[in-house]
């Protein structure tokens, strides 16, 4: 310390102790912010004509932390999470995890589930030291899988046999 600082400390002890208190408070608040999960979005925000964002959370590092989201109708949700460390993402009161992250992690994992209209809870359970960097839940439209060549009878799709598909698709393809 130089002489001016020592003189100021003797002359104005309250100012120096106030600076010390503010410095300590800023330091502690900085560390406290890293532990708290930050909810970036909660609600139903339209992304485009098909998908809506229901929940987005970042910096989750406490185990058994849960977040709520609401789906306005029965339908599919798309869940994605990026995590460092071992953690499980659990939807509502299911016994099995929707997403599993292993200790080597750091990669993004995704899952889809059909949920009913109303409020749902998504919970993070971690082992040891972990951090879910981002958790996102999106409402997506109905999923349809109908392979060519399969014989299916669907009220929405009609008869989807190869003979039907060949007539439609061969007409569209250039010769």
Protein backbone atom coordinates (compact mmCIF):
# COMPACT_ATOMS: atom_id res chain seq x y z
CA UNK A 1 0.00 0.00 0.00
CA UNK A 2 1.18 3.49 -0.73
CA UNK A 3 1.20 6.38 1.74
CA UNK A 4 -1.95 8.01 0.36
CA UNK A 5 -3.96 4.82 0.90
CA UNK A 6 -2.70 4.43 4.47
CA UNK A 7 -3.47 8.08 5.21
CA UNK A 8 -7.00 7.71 3.75
CA UNK A 9 -7.59 4.57 5.81
CA UNK A 10 -6.61 6.37 9.03
CA UNK A 11 -8.46 9.56 8.16
CA UNK A 12 -11.68 7.99 6.78
CA UNK A 13 -12.13 4.51 8.31
CA UNK A 14 -15.84 4.30 7.42
CA UNK A 15 -15.21 4.87 3.69
CA UNK A 16 -12.53 2.17 3.60
CA UNK A 17 -14.71 -0.36 5.47
CA UNK A 18 -17.68 0.43 3.19
CA UNK A 19 -15.50 -0.31 0.16
CA UNK A 20 -14.46 -3.58 1.74
CA UNK A 21 -18.09 -4.54 2.49
CA UNK A 22 -19.19 -3.70 -1.08
CA UNK A 23 -16.29 -5.70 -2.53
CA UNK A 24 -17.18 -8.75 -0.44
CA UNK A 25 -20.89 -8.43 -1.32
CA UNK A 26 -20.13 -8.24 -5.05
CA UNK A 27 -17.85 -11.25 -4.76
CA UNK A 28 -20.48 -13.33 -2.90
CA UNK A 29 -23.29 -12.34 -5.28
CA UNK A 30 -21.15 -13.39 -8.21
CA UNK A 31 -20.74 -16.89 -6.78
CA UNK A 32 -24.40 -17.15 -5.75
CA UNK A 33 -25.51 -16.39 -9.32
CA UNK A 34 -23.71 -19.43 -10.72
CA UNK A 35 -25.61 -21.85 -8.45
CA UNK A 36 -29.08 -20.53 -9.25
CA UNK A 37 -30.81 -21.90 -12.36
CA UNK A 38 -31.95 -19.21 -14.76
CA UNK A 39 -35.36 -19.62 -16.41
CA UNK A 40 -34.92 -17.95 -19.80
CA UNK A 41 -38.49 -18.60 -20.98
CA UNK A 42 -41.64 -20.15 -19.54
CA UNK A 43 -45.01 -20.04 -21.27
CA UNK A 44 -46.05 -20.80 -24.82
CA UNK A 45 -44.17 -18.77 -27.41
CA UNK A 46 -44.69 -19.53 -31.09
CA UNK A 47 -41.48 -20.36 -32.95
CA UNK A 48 -43.14 -20.93 -36.35
CA UNK A 49 -46.39 -22.37 -37.77
CA UNK A 50 -45.65 -25.80 -36.29
CA UNK A 51 -43.63 -25.51 -33.08
CA UNK A 52 -43.94 -23.53 -29.85
CA UNK A 53 -41.43 -23.05 -27.06
CA UNK A 54 -42.76 -24.06 -23.65
CA UNK A 55 -39.70 -23.83 -21.38
CA UNK A 56 -36.03 -22.89 -21.59
CA UNK A 57 -33.72 -23.03 -18.59
CA UNK A 58 -29.95 -22.61 -18.28
CA UNK A 59 -27.25 -23.21 -15.64
CA UNK A 60 -28.90 -25.97 -13.59
CA UNK A 61 -26.49 -27.41 -11.02
CA UNK A 62 -28.76 -28.44 -8.13
CA UNK A 63 -30.08 -32.00 -8.06
CA UNK A 64 -33.85 -32.58 -7.78
CA UNK A 65 -34.59 -29.14 -9.17
CA UNK A 66 -37.92 -29.11 -11.02
CA UNK A 67 -39.52 -26.77 -13.52
CA UNK A 68 -43.12 -26.49 -14.72
CA UNK A 69 -44.47 -26.03 -18.23
CA UNK A 70 -47.99 -26.08 -19.65
CA UNK A 71 -49.16 -27.65 -22.91
CA UNK A 72 -52.37 -26.05 -24.24
CA UNK A 73 -53.57 -29.28 -25.90
CA UNK A 74 -52.76 -32.97 -26.00
CA UNK A 75 -49.69 -33.53 -28.14
CA UNK A 76 -45.98 -34.15 -28.51
CA UNK A 77 -43.17 -32.34 -26.70
CA UNK A 78 -39.54 -32.23 -27.80
CA UNK A 79 -37.07 -32.15 -24.88
CA UNK A 80 -33.39 -31.34 -25.36
CA UNK A 81 -30.61 -30.84 -22.83
CA UNK A 82 -26.88 -30.17 -22.84
CA UNK A 83 -25.02 -31.31 -19.73
CA UNK A 84 -21.52 -31.68 -18.29
CA UNK A 85 -21.46 -34.52 -15.77
CA UNK A 86 -23.93 -37.30 -14.95
CA UNK A 87 -27.59 -36.26 -14.83
CA UNK A 88 -31.10 -37.55 -15.59
CA UNK A 89 -34.05 -35.60 -16.99
CA UNK A 90 -37.39 -36.93 -15.69
CA UNK A 91 -40.82 -35.92 -17.01
CA UNK A 92 -43.72 -35.75 -14.54
CA UNK A 93 -43.72 -38.73 -12.17
CA UNK A 94 -42.25 -41.32 -14.55
CA UNK A 95 -39.87 -43.78 -12.94
CA UNK A 96 -37.61 -43.90 -16.01
CA UNK A 97 -35.57 -40.94 -17.18
CA UNK A 98 -36.47 -39.28 -20.46
CA UNK A 99 -32.82 -38.30 -21.03
CA UNK A 100 -29.64 -39.77 -19.50
CA UNK A 101 -26.30 -37.93 -19.49
CA UNK A 102 -23.15 -39.86 -18.60
CA UNK A 103 -20.10 -38.48 -16.79
CA UNK A 104 -18.08 -37.88 -19.98
CA UNK A 105 -21.03 -35.83 -21.33
CA UNK A 106 -21.03 -32.38 -22.77
CA UNK A 107 -23.13 -33.51 -25.70
CA UNK A 108 -26.72 -32.64 -26.48
CA UNK A 109 -29.40 -35.27 -25.91
CA UNK A 110 -32.98 -35.20 -27.18
CA UNK A 111 -36.25 -37.03 -26.54
CA UNK A 112 -39.92 -36.80 -27.53
CA UNK A 113 -42.96 -37.71 -25.47
CA UNK A 114 -46.72 -37.52 -25.90
CA UNK A 115 -48.29 -35.51 -23.06
CA UNK A 116 -51.83 -34.54 -22.15
CA UNK A 117 -53.21 -31.01 -21.99
CA UNK A 118 -52.25 -29.16 -18.83
CA UNK A 119 -49.35 -28.54 -16.49
CA UNK A 120 -46.33 -30.84 -16.42
CA UNK A 121 -43.13 -30.98 -14.38
CA UNK A 122 -39.65 -31.72 -15.63
CA UNK A 123 -37.04 -32.62 -12.99
CA UNK A 124 -33.24 -32.81 -13.09
CA UNK A 125 -31.40 -35.34 -10.93
CA UNK A 126 -27.63 -35.24 -10.95
CA UNK A 127 -24.83 -37.37 -9.52
CA UNK A 128 -21.76 -35.67 -8.12
CA UNK A 129 -20.76 -32.44 -9.76
CA UNK A 130 -22.85 -31.65 -12.84
CA UNK A 131 -24.21 -28.70 -14.77
CA UNK A 132 -27.08 -28.74 -17.24
CA UNK A 133 -26.11 -25.86 -19.49
CA UNK A 134 -29.42 -25.74 -21.33
CA UNK A 135 -32.79 -27.49 -21.00
CA UNK A 136 -35.49 -26.76 -23.59
CA UNK A 137 -39.05 -28.08 -23.99
CA UNK A 138 -40.94 -27.39 -27.23
CA UNK A 139 -44.44 -28.33 -28.41
CA UNK A 140 -44.25 -30.01 -31.82
CA UNK A 141 -46.96 -31.25 -34.21
CA UNK A 142 -48.18 -34.83 -34.47
CA UNK A 143 -45.55 -37.29 -35.67
CA UNK A 144 -46.47 -39.50 -38.61
CA UNK A 145 -44.36 -42.39 -39.82
CA UNK A 146 -45.58 -44.13 -42.91
CA UNK A 147 -42.95 -45.90 -45.00
CA UNK A 148 -43.30 -46.47 -48.72
CA UNK A 149 -44.18 -50.02 -49.57
CA UNK A 150 -45.99 -50.60 -46.31
CA UNK A 151 -49.64 -51.53 -46.35
CA UNK A 152 -51.43 -49.27 -43.91
CA UNK A 153 -54.96 -48.13 -43.63
CA UNK A 154 -55.26 -44.78 -41.88
CA UNK A 155 -58.28 -42.52 -41.62
CA UNK A 156 -56.10 -39.52 -42.34
CA UNK A 157 -53.74 -40.95 -44.95
CA UNK A 158 -55.96 -43.34 -46.90
CA UNK A 159 -54.72 -46.62 -48.32
CA UNK A 160 -50.89 -46.48 -48.54
CA UNK A 161 -49.90 -49.60 -50.50
CA UNK A 162 -47.04 -49.67 -53.00
CA UNK A 163 -49.42 -49.79 -55.96
CA UNK A 164 -51.03 -46.55 -54.80
CA UNK A 165 -47.69 -44.87 -54.01
CA UNK A 166 -46.15 -45.92 -57.34
CA UNK A 167 -49.00 -44.30 -59.27
CA UNK A 168 -48.61 -41.02 -57.39
CA UNK A 169 -44.82 -40.75 -57.17
CA UNK A 170 -44.00 -42.09 -60.65
CA UNK A 171 -46.26 -39.45 -62.18
CA UNK A 172 -44.32 -36.73 -60.36
CA UNK A 173 -40.80 -37.93 -61.21
CA UNK A 174 -39.18 -36.75 -64.48
CA UNK A 175 -38.55 -39.48 -67.05
